Each structure stands twice: as C-alpha cells, then as structure tokens.
Amino acid sequence: MSVDEPYGAVVLAGGRGRRVGGPGKPTLPVGGRPMVHRVLDAVADAEPRIVVGPPELPLPAGVDRTLEQPPGGGPVAATAAALVLVPSRTRVVALLAADLPFLTRASLHLLRRRLAGDAGAAGAVYVDDAGRPQWLCGVWRVAALRARLAALPHGPARVSLRELLHEAPVAHCSLGPGGADGGDAPPPWWDCDTEADLRRAQEIWVSGRKGQS
C-alpha cells in the first residue's frame, strides 16, 4: 500500500463516559468545538467516515452513523458494526476514540506512513512514553481487522480492544521532540477521561491561542 492510498475512518463514540459527561462526552467542547468534531476534522480526507454512537449524537454532514449490537457491547462490537459499512475497496481504516482533542491530520499521516512502510503489519498505533499501545489511536488493514473479528470464539460483545489486537503484528509509532506537528501540543492519543482532563485540554487550547495572538 501507499501512504497516498485512500483510507476510511471509524470513530468510536458510544462509551458511557462515567467520569465525565456521560454518553454525551464526545460532544463536550474543547476550544469551542465538540471533541468528536475535532476528531472528524483530523480525518476530513477519509472516505467513508463512520461514527459509532447514539442517534442523538450530532454529526456533520457526510458522516455515516451506526450503533454496536448489542447497544453498550463495547469497542470491539462497535468496530465490528462499523466495518459492515466499510466498502470492499477500502483497504485501510483509522480506528479512533471520539475524545482526542489534539489529534491532527499530520499525526494520522504519520501513522499511515508507518503502516505503509511495514508490509507485515496488521496496523500501526501510537505508543506512549511508557511503551503502551494506544489502541484507539491507530490505523489498520481492514482485512486484518475482519480476520481478527472472525476468529473470536464467542463474538465481539464484551471483548476489549487489547484482547482483539494485542497478538496482531503491529507497527509502533512514537513521537520525537516537537511531535507530529512540530509544536509542543499534547500527543494525539491524549484523551479526556475525567473533568480534570477536559479542563486541562481547554487550558492548553486557550494558552495556545494566546501564544499565536
């Protein structure tokens, strides 16, 4: 595959968000824009763009929506539901959380380039400073995801992404000084699991805008 090959995007937005915002967490704003919209902005060049989330979740035009079965079945069930909508011509998809306010096109391009450079890899994911794979900040070969899902003995419900993917051949992607965008923003896998995370993300956006003024 080439890094210039078209790709799709799957954004998982169906979590319960117990620690912040409840089911509406993806709609919480950072820098005046809902987090799920920021993620969709980062994959604006993807086709299709699929969000797995409830009907009441507002989405931009041109974005497909689906819901995992059973509802609340977890991220692997959500991934399986999204792949039903991915056409056969699409060979690569980004698999992303909906609460990544610092994800950018440049950080996605870096992942796609990493995958394109490793013919034996099923996917490419970011790893944090401790070397932990960030399963919901990566790109994957669609055929490999479908094969992993088909191999699950009891179906995708209540299965964790780590269970699904940790034995797959994965190319790890790390960020050097300056990150994917050459700045000092938080890494693209930085998510907002708590109210403190959300406040910090907002502070970073505000301070970044002041620094540009």
N, C-alpha and C. Protein backbone atom coordinates (compact mmCIF):
# COMPACT_ATOMS: atom_id res chain seq x y z
N MET A 1 0.83 -1.20 0.00
CA MET A 1 0.00 0.00 0.00
C MET A 1 0.87 1.25 0.00
N SER A 2 0.31 2.34 -0.47
CA SER A 2 0.98 3.63 -0.47
C SER A 2 0.34 4.53 0.57
N VAL A 3 1.15 5.43 1.12
CA VAL A 3 0.60 6.37 2.11
C VAL A 3 -0.44 7.29 1.47
N ASP A 4 -0.41 7.41 0.13
CA ASP A 4 -1.38 8.25 -0.56
C ASP A 4 -2.67 7.51 -0.91
N GLU A 5 -2.72 6.22 -0.60
CA GLU A 5 -3.92 5.43 -0.88
C GLU A 5 -5.09 5.94 -0.04
N PRO A 6 -6.29 6.01 -0.63
CA PRO A 6 -7.46 6.43 0.16
C PRO A 6 -7.66 5.52 1.38
N TYR A 7 -8.22 6.09 2.42
CA TYR A 7 -8.46 5.33 3.64
C TYR A 7 -9.80 5.75 4.24
N GLY A 8 -10.31 4.92 5.14
CA GLY A 8 -11.53 5.24 5.86
C GLY A 8 -11.23 5.55 7.31
N ALA A 9 -12.25 5.96 8.03
CA ALA A 9 -12.08 6.27 9.46
C ALA A 9 -13.28 5.79 10.25
N VAL A 10 -12.99 5.15 11.37
CA VAL A 10 -14.01 4.68 12.31
C VAL A 10 -13.77 5.38 13.64
N VAL A 11 -14.77 6.08 14.12
CA VAL A 11 -14.66 6.84 15.37
C VAL A 11 -15.66 6.24 16.36
N LEU A 12 -15.14 5.77 17.49
CA LEU A 12 -15.98 5.13 18.50
C LEU A 12 -16.46 6.16 19.51
N ALA A 13 -17.75 6.41 19.51
CA ALA A 13 -18.33 7.47 20.34
C ALA A 13 -19.48 6.95 21.20
N GLY A 14 -19.46 5.65 21.49
CA GLY A 14 -20.59 5.08 22.21
C GLY A 14 -20.32 4.74 23.65
N GLY A 15 -19.19 5.18 24.22
CA GLY A 15 -18.89 4.86 25.61
C GLY A 15 -19.84 5.53 26.58
N ARG A 16 -19.83 5.04 27.80
CA ARG A 16 -20.75 5.59 28.82
C ARG A 16 -20.23 6.86 29.45
N GLY A 17 -18.93 7.13 29.38
CA GLY A 17 -18.39 8.37 29.91
C GLY A 17 -18.72 8.59 31.37
N ARG A 18 -18.57 7.55 32.18
CA ARG A 18 -19.00 7.64 33.59
C ARG A 18 -18.30 8.77 34.33
N ARG A 19 -17.03 9.04 34.00
CA ARG A 19 -16.26 10.00 34.79
C ARG A 19 -16.40 11.43 34.29
N VAL A 20 -16.95 11.62 33.09
CA VAL A 20 -17.15 12.98 32.60
C VAL A 20 -18.17 12.96 31.47
N GLY A 21 -19.24 13.73 31.65
CA GLY A 21 -20.15 13.99 30.56
C GLY A 21 -21.17 12.92 30.22
N GLY A 22 -21.03 11.71 30.78
CA GLY A 22 -21.94 10.65 30.43
C GLY A 22 -21.85 10.30 28.95
N PRO A 23 -22.93 9.73 28.37
CA PRO A 23 -22.90 9.34 26.96
C PRO A 23 -22.61 10.50 26.01
N GLY A 24 -22.84 11.74 26.49
CA GLY A 24 -22.60 12.91 25.64
C GLY A 24 -21.18 13.42 25.68
N LYS A 25 -20.25 12.67 26.27
CA LYS A 25 -18.88 13.15 26.37
C LYS A 25 -18.29 13.61 25.05
N PRO A 26 -18.48 12.88 23.93
CA PRO A 26 -17.86 13.34 22.68
C PRO A 26 -18.32 14.71 22.22
N THR A 27 -19.48 15.18 22.73
CA THR A 27 -19.98 16.49 22.31
C THR A 27 -19.43 17.62 23.18
N LEU A 28 -18.71 17.28 24.26
CA LEU A 28 -18.16 18.34 25.10
C LEU A 28 -17.11 19.13 24.33
N PRO A 29 -17.13 20.45 24.45
CA PRO A 29 -16.24 21.26 23.61
C PRO A 29 -14.84 21.43 24.20
N VAL A 30 -13.88 21.46 23.31
CA VAL A 30 -12.52 21.90 23.63
C VAL A 30 -12.16 22.95 22.58
N GLY A 31 -11.80 24.14 23.02
CA GLY A 31 -11.54 25.22 22.08
C GLY A 31 -12.78 25.61 21.29
N GLY A 32 -13.97 25.47 21.92
CA GLY A 32 -15.19 25.88 21.27
C GLY A 32 -15.75 24.92 20.25
N ARG A 33 -15.20 23.70 20.18
CA ARG A 33 -15.66 22.72 19.18
C ARG A 33 -15.79 21.36 19.84
N PRO A 34 -16.89 20.63 19.59
CA PRO A 34 -17.04 19.30 20.21
C PRO A 34 -15.85 18.40 19.87
N MET A 35 -15.45 17.59 20.85
CA MET A 35 -14.29 16.74 20.63
C MET A 35 -14.48 15.81 19.45
N VAL A 36 -15.68 15.23 19.29
CA VAL A 36 -15.89 14.31 18.17
C VAL A 36 -15.72 15.03 16.85
N HIS A 37 -16.08 16.31 16.78
CA HIS A 37 -15.90 17.07 15.54
C HIS A 37 -14.43 17.34 15.29
N ARG A 38 -13.65 17.54 16.35
CA ARG A 38 -12.21 17.72 16.17
C ARG A 38 -11.58 16.45 15.60
N VAL A 39 -12.01 15.30 16.09
CA VAL A 39 -11.51 14.03 15.56
C VAL A 39 -11.90 13.89 14.09
N LEU A 40 -13.13 14.21 13.76
CA LEU A 40 -13.58 14.12 12.38
C LEU A 40 -12.84 15.12 11.49
N ASP A 41 -12.48 16.27 12.03
CA ASP A 41 -11.66 17.22 11.26
C ASP A 41 -10.32 16.61 10.89
N ALA A 42 -9.75 15.84 11.82
CA ALA A 42 -8.42 15.24 11.59
C ALA A 42 -8.46 14.20 10.49
N VAL A 43 -9.64 13.62 10.24
CA VAL A 43 -9.78 12.61 9.17
C VAL A 43 -10.70 13.13 8.07
N ALA A 44 -10.63 14.43 7.82
CA ALA A 44 -11.51 15.03 6.82
C ALA A 44 -11.28 14.45 5.42
N ASP A 45 -10.07 13.90 5.18
CA ASP A 45 -9.76 13.34 3.87
C ASP A 45 -10.09 11.85 3.78
N ALA A 46 -10.69 11.28 4.82
CA ALA A 46 -11.05 9.85 4.81
C ALA A 46 -12.42 9.64 4.16
N GLU A 47 -12.60 8.48 3.55
CA GLU A 47 -13.88 8.12 2.94
C GLU A 47 -14.02 6.60 2.98
N PRO A 48 -15.00 6.09 3.73
CA PRO A 48 -16.01 6.82 4.48
C PRO A 48 -15.50 7.25 5.85
N ARG A 49 -16.27 8.14 6.49
CA ARG A 49 -16.08 8.45 7.90
C ARG A 49 -17.30 7.91 8.64
N ILE A 50 -17.05 7.05 9.60
CA ILE A 50 -18.13 6.35 10.30
C ILE A 50 -18.01 6.59 11.79
N VAL A 51 -19.06 7.05 12.40
CA VAL A 51 -19.11 7.23 13.85
C VAL A 51 -20.04 6.17 14.43
N VAL A 52 -19.55 5.47 15.43
CA VAL A 52 -20.40 4.52 16.15
C VAL A 52 -20.87 5.22 17.41
N GLY A 53 -22.14 5.58 17.43
CA GLY A 53 -22.66 6.35 18.55
C GLY A 53 -24.17 6.45 18.49
N PRO A 54 -24.78 6.98 19.53
CA PRO A 54 -26.25 7.02 19.63
C PRO A 54 -26.88 7.98 18.64
N PRO A 55 -28.16 7.79 18.33
CA PRO A 55 -28.83 8.64 17.34
C PRO A 55 -28.84 10.12 17.71
N GLU A 56 -28.81 10.43 19.00
CA GLU A 56 -28.88 11.83 19.41
C GLU A 56 -27.55 12.56 19.31
N LEU A 57 -26.47 11.85 18.97
CA LEU A 57 -25.16 12.48 18.84
C LEU A 57 -25.12 13.31 17.56
N PRO A 58 -24.98 14.65 17.64
CA PRO A 58 -24.97 15.47 16.43
C PRO A 58 -23.67 15.29 15.65
N LEU A 59 -23.83 15.08 14.34
CA LEU A 59 -22.67 14.84 13.48
C LEU A 59 -22.73 15.75 12.26
N PRO A 60 -21.57 16.08 11.70
CA PRO A 60 -21.56 16.88 10.47
C PRO A 60 -22.15 16.11 9.29
N ALA A 61 -22.51 16.84 8.26
CA ALA A 61 -22.99 16.21 7.03
C ALA A 61 -21.87 15.36 6.42
N GLY A 62 -22.28 14.27 5.80
CA GLY A 62 -21.32 13.42 5.12
C GLY A 62 -20.68 12.37 6.00
N VAL A 63 -21.10 12.28 7.25
CA VAL A 63 -20.56 11.28 8.18
C VAL A 63 -21.61 10.21 8.41
N ASP A 64 -21.23 8.95 8.23
CA ASP A 64 -22.16 7.84 8.47
C ASP A 64 -22.21 7.51 9.96
N ARG A 65 -23.34 6.94 10.37
CA ARG A 65 -23.52 6.58 11.78
C ARG A 65 -24.03 5.14 11.87
N THR A 66 -23.57 4.44 12.90
CA THR A 66 -24.10 3.13 13.20
C THR A 66 -24.04 2.93 14.71
N LEU A 67 -24.56 1.81 15.18
CA LEU A 67 -24.57 1.51 16.61
C LEU A 67 -24.20 0.05 16.79
N GLU A 68 -23.39 -0.21 17.81
CA GLU A 68 -22.97 -1.59 18.06
C GLU A 68 -24.14 -2.44 18.53
N GLN A 69 -24.02 -3.74 18.31
CA GLN A 69 -25.02 -4.70 18.77
C GLN A 69 -24.35 -5.75 19.65
N PRO A 70 -24.86 -5.92 20.88
CA PRO A 70 -25.96 -5.15 21.47
C PRO A 70 -25.49 -3.75 21.86
N PRO A 71 -26.41 -2.78 22.00
CA PRO A 71 -26.00 -1.46 22.47
C PRO A 71 -25.25 -1.56 23.80
N GLY A 72 -24.12 -0.88 23.89
CA GLY A 72 -23.29 -0.98 25.07
C GLY A 72 -22.38 -2.19 25.05
N GLY A 73 -22.27 -2.85 23.89
CA GLY A 73 -21.46 -4.07 23.79
C GLY A 73 -19.97 -3.86 23.81
N GLY A 74 -19.53 -2.60 23.80
CA GLY A 74 -18.11 -2.33 23.93
C GLY A 74 -17.43 -1.98 22.61
N PRO A 75 -16.15 -1.62 22.67
CA PRO A 75 -15.45 -1.10 21.49
C PRO A 75 -15.25 -2.12 20.38
N VAL A 76 -15.11 -3.39 20.71
CA VAL A 76 -14.93 -4.39 19.66
C VAL A 76 -16.24 -4.61 18.91
N ALA A 77 -17.34 -4.67 19.64
CA ALA A 77 -18.65 -4.75 18.99
C ALA A 77 -18.89 -3.51 18.13
N ALA A 78 -18.45 -2.35 18.59
CA ALA A 78 -18.59 -1.11 17.82
C ALA A 78 -17.75 -1.17 16.55
N THR A 79 -16.55 -1.68 16.67
CA THR A 79 -15.68 -1.81 15.50
C THR A 79 -16.31 -2.75 14.47
N ALA A 80 -16.85 -3.86 14.94
CA ALA A 80 -17.50 -4.81 14.04
C ALA A 80 -18.67 -4.16 13.30
N ALA A 81 -19.47 -3.38 14.02
CA ALA A 81 -20.61 -2.71 13.39
C ALA A 81 -20.15 -1.72 12.33
N ALA A 82 -19.10 -0.99 12.61
CA ALA A 82 -18.60 0.00 11.65
C ALA A 82 -18.05 -0.67 10.39
N LEU A 83 -17.37 -1.79 10.55
CA LEU A 83 -16.76 -2.43 9.39
C LEU A 83 -17.81 -2.93 8.39
N VAL A 84 -19.02 -3.16 8.85
CA VAL A 84 -20.10 -3.53 7.93
C VAL A 84 -20.32 -2.43 6.89
N LEU A 85 -20.06 -1.18 7.27
CA LEU A 85 -20.29 -0.05 6.37
C LEU A 85 -19.07 0.31 5.53
N VAL A 86 -17.95 -0.35 5.77
CA VAL A 86 -16.73 -0.05 5.02
C VAL A 86 -16.75 -0.82 3.71
N PRO A 87 -16.66 -0.14 2.57
CA PRO A 87 -16.73 -0.84 1.28
C PRO A 87 -15.49 -1.69 1.02
N SER A 88 -15.62 -2.67 0.16
CA SER A 88 -14.53 -3.60 -0.11
C SER A 88 -13.31 -2.92 -0.71
N ARG A 89 -13.50 -1.79 -1.37
CA ARG A 89 -12.37 -1.09 -1.99
C ARG A 89 -11.47 -0.40 -0.96
N THR A 90 -11.99 -0.20 0.26
CA THR A 90 -11.22 0.49 1.30
C THR A 90 -10.35 -0.53 2.02
N ARG A 91 -9.04 -0.36 1.92
CA ARG A 91 -8.13 -1.36 2.48
C ARG A 91 -7.56 -0.97 3.84
N VAL A 92 -7.68 0.30 4.21
CA VAL A 92 -7.11 0.78 5.48
C VAL A 92 -8.13 1.68 6.15
N VAL A 93 -8.27 1.53 7.48
CA VAL A 93 -9.12 2.45 8.25
C VAL A 93 -8.35 2.94 9.47
N ALA A 94 -8.61 4.18 9.83
CA ALA A 94 -8.18 4.69 11.12
C ALA A 94 -9.21 4.25 12.16
N LEU A 95 -8.75 3.80 13.31
CA LEU A 95 -9.63 3.38 14.40
C LEU A 95 -9.33 4.31 15.58
N LEU A 96 -10.32 5.13 15.95
CA LEU A 96 -10.06 6.26 16.83
C LEU A 96 -11.13 6.41 17.90
N ALA A 97 -10.71 6.90 19.06
CA ALA A 97 -11.65 7.34 20.08
C ALA A 97 -12.23 8.69 19.67
N ALA A 98 -13.37 9.03 20.26
CA ALA A 98 -14.04 10.29 19.92
C ALA A 98 -13.62 11.44 20.80
N ASP A 99 -12.71 11.19 21.77
CA ASP A 99 -12.34 12.24 22.72
C ASP A 99 -10.85 12.55 22.65
N LEU A 100 -10.36 12.77 21.43
CA LEU A 100 -8.94 13.07 21.20
C LEU A 100 -8.81 14.49 20.66
N PRO A 101 -8.87 15.51 21.51
CA PRO A 101 -8.92 16.88 21.01
C PRO A 101 -7.64 17.36 20.36
N PHE A 102 -6.53 16.61 20.50
CA PHE A 102 -5.27 17.05 19.92
C PHE A 102 -4.83 16.17 18.74
N LEU A 103 -5.73 15.34 18.27
CA LEU A 103 -5.46 14.57 17.06
C LEU A 103 -5.45 15.52 15.86
N THR A 104 -4.51 15.30 14.94
CA THR A 104 -4.40 16.16 13.77
C THR A 104 -4.21 15.33 12.51
N ARG A 105 -4.36 15.97 11.39
CA ARG A 105 -4.11 15.29 10.11
C ARG A 105 -2.66 14.83 10.02
N ALA A 106 -1.75 15.66 10.52
CA ALA A 106 -0.33 15.28 10.47
C ALA A 106 -0.06 14.03 11.28
N SER A 107 -0.70 13.89 12.45
CA SER A 107 -0.46 12.71 13.27
C SER A 107 -1.06 11.46 12.62
N LEU A 108 -2.18 11.61 11.89
CA LEU A 108 -2.74 10.48 11.15
C LEU A 108 -1.85 10.11 9.97
N HIS A 109 -1.31 11.11 9.30
CA HIS A 109 -0.42 10.84 8.16
C HIS A 109 0.81 10.06 8.62
N LEU A 110 1.32 10.40 9.80
CA LEU A 110 2.49 9.68 10.33
C LEU A 110 2.17 8.21 10.56
N LEU A 111 0.99 7.93 11.09
CA LEU A 111 0.57 6.54 11.29
C LEU A 111 0.43 5.80 9.96
N ARG A 112 -0.18 6.45 8.99
CA ARG A 112 -0.38 5.82 7.69
C ARG A 112 0.97 5.55 7.01
N ARG A 113 1.90 6.46 7.16
CA ARG A 113 3.23 6.26 6.58
C ARG A 113 3.94 5.09 7.27
N ARG A 114 3.75 4.98 8.59
CA ARG A 114 4.37 3.88 9.33
C ARG A 114 3.81 2.55 8.85
N LEU A 115 2.49 2.46 8.66
CA LEU A 115 1.88 1.23 8.19
C LEU A 115 2.33 0.90 6.76
N ALA A 116 2.37 1.92 5.90
CA ALA A 116 2.78 1.70 4.51
C ALA A 116 4.20 1.17 4.42
N GLY A 117 5.03 1.51 5.41
CA GLY A 117 6.42 1.08 5.39
C GLY A 117 6.66 -0.29 6.00
N ASP A 118 5.61 -0.95 6.47
CA ASP A 118 5.76 -2.26 7.10
C ASP A 118 4.73 -3.21 6.51
N ALA A 119 5.12 -3.94 5.47
CA ALA A 119 4.18 -4.80 4.76
C ALA A 119 3.63 -5.92 5.63
N GLY A 120 4.35 -6.31 6.68
CA GLY A 120 3.91 -7.40 7.53
C GLY A 120 3.01 -6.99 8.67
N ALA A 121 2.79 -5.70 8.84
CA ALA A 121 2.00 -5.22 9.97
C ALA A 121 0.51 -5.21 9.65
N ALA A 122 -0.29 -5.61 10.64
CA ALA A 122 -1.73 -5.52 10.51
C ALA A 122 -2.22 -4.10 10.75
N GLY A 123 -1.46 -3.36 11.54
CA GLY A 123 -1.83 -1.99 11.86
C GLY A 123 -0.65 -1.23 12.40
N ALA A 124 -0.87 0.06 12.61
CA ALA A 124 0.14 0.93 13.23
C ALA A 124 -0.56 1.76 14.29
N VAL A 125 -0.02 1.77 15.49
CA VAL A 125 -0.61 2.53 16.59
C VAL A 125 0.45 3.36 17.27
N TYR A 126 0.01 4.45 17.86
CA TYR A 126 0.92 5.22 18.70
C TYR A 126 1.19 4.47 20.00
N VAL A 127 2.38 4.66 20.52
CA VAL A 127 2.72 4.18 21.86
C VAL A 127 3.09 5.38 22.71
N ASP A 128 2.72 5.32 23.99
CA ASP A 128 3.03 6.44 24.87
C ASP A 128 4.46 6.35 25.38
N ASP A 129 4.83 7.24 26.27
CA ASP A 129 6.21 7.29 26.76
C ASP A 129 6.61 6.04 27.51
N ALA A 130 5.63 5.30 28.02
CA ALA A 130 5.91 4.05 28.73
C ALA A 130 5.88 2.83 27.80
N GLY A 131 5.67 3.07 26.50
CA GLY A 131 5.65 1.99 25.54
C GLY A 131 4.32 1.27 25.43
N ARG A 132 3.25 1.85 25.99
CA ARG A 132 1.93 1.21 25.94
C ARG A 132 1.22 1.55 24.63
N PRO A 133 0.73 0.54 23.91
CA PRO A 133 0.00 0.82 22.67
C PRO A 133 -1.30 1.58 22.96
N GLN A 134 -1.58 2.55 22.14
CA GLN A 134 -2.81 3.32 22.25
C GLN A 134 -3.78 2.78 21.18
N TRP A 135 -4.56 1.78 21.56
CA TRP A 135 -5.34 1.03 20.60
C TRP A 135 -6.36 1.88 19.86
N LEU A 136 -6.82 2.96 20.48
CA LEU A 136 -7.80 3.82 19.82
C LEU A 136 -7.16 5.08 19.24
N CYS A 137 -5.92 4.91 18.80
CA CYS A 137 -5.25 5.97 18.04
C CYS A 137 -4.32 5.27 17.06
N GLY A 138 -4.93 4.63 16.06
CA GLY A 138 -4.13 3.85 15.13
C GLY A 138 -4.81 3.70 13.79
N VAL A 139 -4.09 3.08 12.85
CA VAL A 139 -4.64 2.74 11.54
C VAL A 139 -4.42 1.25 11.30
N TRP A 140 -5.37 0.64 10.58
CA TRP A 140 -5.38 -0.82 10.44
C TRP A 140 -5.74 -1.24 9.04
N ARG A 141 -5.19 -2.38 8.63
CA ARG A 141 -5.62 -3.00 7.38
C ARG A 141 -6.99 -3.64 7.65
N VAL A 142 -7.96 -3.31 6.81
CA VAL A 142 -9.33 -3.77 7.03
C VAL A 142 -9.40 -5.29 7.04
N ALA A 143 -8.67 -5.95 6.13
CA ALA A 143 -8.70 -7.41 6.07
C ALA A 143 -8.20 -8.02 7.37
N ALA A 144 -7.20 -7.40 7.99
CA ALA A 144 -6.66 -7.93 9.25
C ALA A 144 -7.68 -7.76 10.38
N LEU A 145 -8.35 -6.63 10.44
CA LEU A 145 -9.38 -6.43 11.46
C LEU A 145 -10.51 -7.45 11.30
N ARG A 146 -10.94 -7.63 10.06
CA ARG A 146 -12.03 -8.58 9.83
C ARG A 146 -11.61 -10.00 10.21
N ALA A 147 -10.37 -10.35 9.94
CA ALA A 147 -9.89 -11.69 10.29
C ALA A 147 -9.84 -11.87 11.80
N ARG A 148 -9.38 -10.83 12.52
CA ARG A 148 -9.33 -10.91 13.98
C ARG A 148 -10.74 -11.05 14.56
N LEU A 149 -11.69 -10.31 14.01
CA LEU A 149 -13.06 -10.39 14.49
C LEU A 149 -13.66 -11.77 14.22
N ALA A 150 -13.39 -12.31 13.04
CA ALA A 150 -13.94 -13.61 12.68
C ALA A 150 -13.39 -14.72 13.57
N ALA A 151 -12.20 -14.51 14.12
CA ALA A 151 -11.57 -15.54 14.94
C ALA A 151 -12.06 -15.54 16.39
N LEU A 152 -12.84 -14.54 16.78
CA LEU A 152 -13.33 -14.50 18.16
C LEU A 152 -14.28 -15.67 18.41
N PRO A 153 -14.05 -16.47 19.42
CA PRO A 153 -14.86 -17.67 19.61
C PRO A 153 -16.31 -17.41 20.00
N HIS A 154 -16.56 -16.27 20.68
CA HIS A 154 -17.92 -16.02 21.18
C HIS A 154 -18.47 -14.68 20.68
N GLY A 155 -17.92 -14.16 19.61
CA GLY A 155 -18.40 -12.91 19.07
C GLY A 155 -17.76 -11.70 19.73
N PRO A 156 -18.04 -10.49 19.21
CA PRO A 156 -17.32 -9.29 19.65
C PRO A 156 -17.83 -8.62 20.92
N ALA A 157 -19.03 -8.97 21.38
CA ALA A 157 -19.59 -8.27 22.54
C ALA A 157 -18.76 -8.53 23.79
N ARG A 158 -18.53 -7.46 24.56
CA ARG A 158 -17.81 -7.50 25.84
C ARG A 158 -16.35 -7.91 25.69
N VAL A 159 -15.79 -7.79 24.51
CA VAL A 159 -14.37 -8.08 24.30
C VAL A 159 -13.63 -6.75 24.27
N SER A 160 -12.45 -6.69 24.90
CA SER A 160 -11.67 -5.46 24.89
C SER A 160 -10.84 -5.38 23.62
N LEU A 161 -10.47 -4.16 23.24
CA LEU A 161 -9.62 -4.00 22.07
C LEU A 161 -8.27 -4.66 22.28
N ARG A 162 -7.78 -4.63 23.49
CA ARG A 162 -6.49 -5.28 23.75
C ARG A 162 -6.60 -6.79 23.47
N GLU A 163 -7.69 -7.40 23.91
CA GLU A 163 -7.89 -8.82 23.63
C GLU A 163 -7.93 -9.09 22.13
N LEU A 164 -8.57 -8.20 21.40
CA LEU A 164 -8.72 -8.40 19.96
C LEU A 164 -7.39 -8.22 19.22
N LEU A 165 -6.60 -7.23 19.65
CA LEU A 165 -5.49 -6.78 18.81
C LEU A 165 -4.09 -7.08 19.32
N HIS A 166 -3.94 -7.46 20.59
CA HIS A 166 -2.57 -7.48 21.13
C HIS A 166 -1.70 -8.55 20.49
N GLU A 167 -2.29 -9.60 19.90
CA GLU A 167 -1.48 -10.62 19.25
C GLU A 167 -1.27 -10.35 17.76
N ALA A 168 -1.88 -9.30 17.23
CA ALA A 168 -1.69 -8.95 15.83
C ALA A 168 -0.31 -8.33 15.65
N PRO A 169 0.33 -8.51 14.48
CA PRO A 169 1.60 -7.84 14.21
C PRO A 169 1.37 -6.34 14.02
N VAL A 170 1.85 -5.55 14.96
CA VAL A 170 1.54 -4.12 14.98
C VAL A 170 2.82 -3.31 14.90
N ALA A 171 2.82 -2.31 14.04
CA ALA A 171 3.93 -1.36 13.96
C ALA A 171 3.68 -0.25 14.97
N HIS A 172 4.65 0.00 15.83
CA HIS A 172 4.52 1.05 16.84
C HIS A 172 5.04 2.37 16.29
N CYS A 173 4.36 3.42 16.66
CA CYS A 173 4.72 4.76 16.20
C CYS A 173 4.89 5.65 17.43
N SER A 174 6.04 6.27 17.55
CA SER A 174 6.29 7.16 18.68
C SER A 174 6.61 8.55 18.16
N LEU A 175 6.50 9.52 19.03
CA LEU A 175 6.74 10.91 18.65
C LEU A 175 8.04 11.40 19.24
N GLY A 176 8.86 12.03 18.43
CA GLY A 176 10.06 12.67 18.93
C GLY A 176 9.77 14.08 19.40
N PRO A 177 10.80 14.85 19.72
CA PRO A 177 10.60 16.24 20.15
C PRO A 177 9.82 17.02 19.10
N GLY A 178 8.82 17.74 19.58
CA GLY A 178 8.01 18.55 18.68
C GLY A 178 6.78 17.84 18.16
N GLY A 179 6.70 16.51 18.32
CA GLY A 179 5.51 15.78 17.90
C GLY A 179 5.32 15.76 16.40
N ALA A 180 4.15 15.29 15.98
CA ALA A 180 3.87 15.15 14.55
C ALA A 180 3.74 16.49 13.86
N ASP A 181 3.39 17.53 14.61
CA ASP A 181 3.14 18.84 14.02
C ASP A 181 4.27 19.84 14.27
N GLY A 182 5.34 19.37 14.90
CA GLY A 182 6.46 20.25 15.14
C GLY A 182 6.22 21.28 16.23
N GLY A 183 5.23 21.07 17.08
CA GLY A 183 4.93 22.01 18.16
C GLY A 183 5.05 21.35 19.51
N ASP A 184 4.44 21.99 20.51
CA ASP A 184 4.53 21.45 21.86
C ASP A 184 3.15 21.06 22.41
N ALA A 185 2.20 20.78 21.52
CA ALA A 185 0.87 20.35 21.95
C ALA A 185 0.95 18.95 22.55
N PRO A 186 -0.04 18.55 23.34
CA PRO A 186 -0.08 17.18 23.86
C PRO A 186 -0.10 16.17 22.72
N PRO A 187 0.25 14.92 23.00
CA PRO A 187 0.29 13.91 21.94
C PRO A 187 -1.11 13.62 21.41
N PRO A 188 -1.21 13.07 20.20
CA PRO A 188 -2.53 12.85 19.59
C PRO A 188 -3.40 11.86 20.33
N TRP A 189 -2.80 10.96 21.12
CA TRP A 189 -3.60 9.97 21.86
C TRP A 189 -4.10 10.51 23.20
N TRP A 190 -3.81 11.73 23.53
CA TRP A 190 -4.21 12.33 24.81
C TRP A 190 -5.72 12.47 24.82
N ASP A 191 -6.40 11.71 25.70
CA ASP A 191 -7.86 11.72 25.73
C ASP A 191 -8.38 12.41 26.99
N CYS A 192 -9.68 12.58 27.02
CA CYS A 192 -10.33 13.30 28.12
C CYS A 192 -11.24 12.34 28.87
N ASP A 193 -10.67 11.62 29.81
CA ASP A 193 -11.43 10.65 30.60
C ASP A 193 -12.07 11.25 31.84
N THR A 194 -11.55 12.37 32.31
CA THR A 194 -12.05 12.97 33.55
C THR A 194 -12.32 14.46 33.34
N GLU A 195 -13.00 15.06 34.30
CA GLU A 195 -13.23 16.50 34.23
C GLU A 195 -11.91 17.27 34.27
N ALA A 196 -10.94 16.74 35.03
CA ALA A 196 -9.62 17.39 35.08
C ALA A 196 -8.95 17.36 33.70
N ASP A 197 -9.07 16.23 32.99
CA ASP A 197 -8.53 16.14 31.64
C ASP A 197 -9.16 17.19 30.73
N LEU A 198 -10.48 17.32 30.84
CA LEU A 198 -11.19 18.26 29.99
C LEU A 198 -10.78 19.70 30.29
N ARG A 199 -10.67 20.04 31.57
CA ARG A 199 -10.24 21.39 31.94
C ARG A 199 -8.83 21.66 31.43
N ARG A 200 -7.94 20.67 31.56
CA ARG A 200 -6.57 20.85 31.10
C ARG A 200 -6.51 21.03 29.59
N ALA A 201 -7.32 20.26 28.86
CA ALA A 201 -7.36 20.40 27.41
C ALA A 201 -7.81 21.81 27.01
N GLN A 202 -8.82 22.32 27.72
CA GLN A 202 -9.31 23.66 27.42
C GLN A 202 -8.24 24.71 27.73
N GLU A 203 -7.55 24.53 28.84
CA GLU A 203 -6.47 25.47 29.20
C GLU A 203 -5.39 25.49 28.13
N ILE A 204 -5.04 24.31 27.61
CA ILE A 204 -4.00 24.23 26.59
C ILE A 204 -4.44 24.93 25.31
N TRP A 205 -5.70 24.73 24.93
CA TRP A 205 -6.19 25.41 23.73
C TRP A 205 -6.19 26.92 23.90
N VAL A 206 -6.63 27.38 25.07
CA VAL A 206 -6.67 28.83 25.32
C VAL A 206 -5.26 29.41 25.31
N SER A 207 -4.32 28.74 26.01
CA SER A 207 -2.96 29.26 26.06
C SER A 207 -2.31 29.22 24.68
N GLY A 208 -2.63 28.20 23.88
CA GLY A 208 -2.08 28.11 22.53
C GLY A 208 -2.56 29.26 21.66
N ARG A 209 -3.82 29.62 21.79
CA ARG A 209 -4.36 30.73 21.00
C ARG A 209 -3.77 32.05 21.43
N LYS A 210 -3.54 32.19 22.76
CA LYS A 210 -2.91 33.43 23.22
C LYS A 210 -1.49 33.55 22.68
N GLY A 211 -0.80 32.40 22.62
CA GLY A 211 0.57 32.42 22.11
C GLY A 211 0.66 32.77 20.65
N GLN A 212 -0.46 32.56 19.89
CA GLN A 212 -0.45 32.88 18.47
C GLN A 212 -0.93 34.29 18.19
N SER A 213 -1.46 34.95 19.24
CA SER A 213 -2.04 36.29 19.01
C SER A 213 -0.97 37.38 19.08
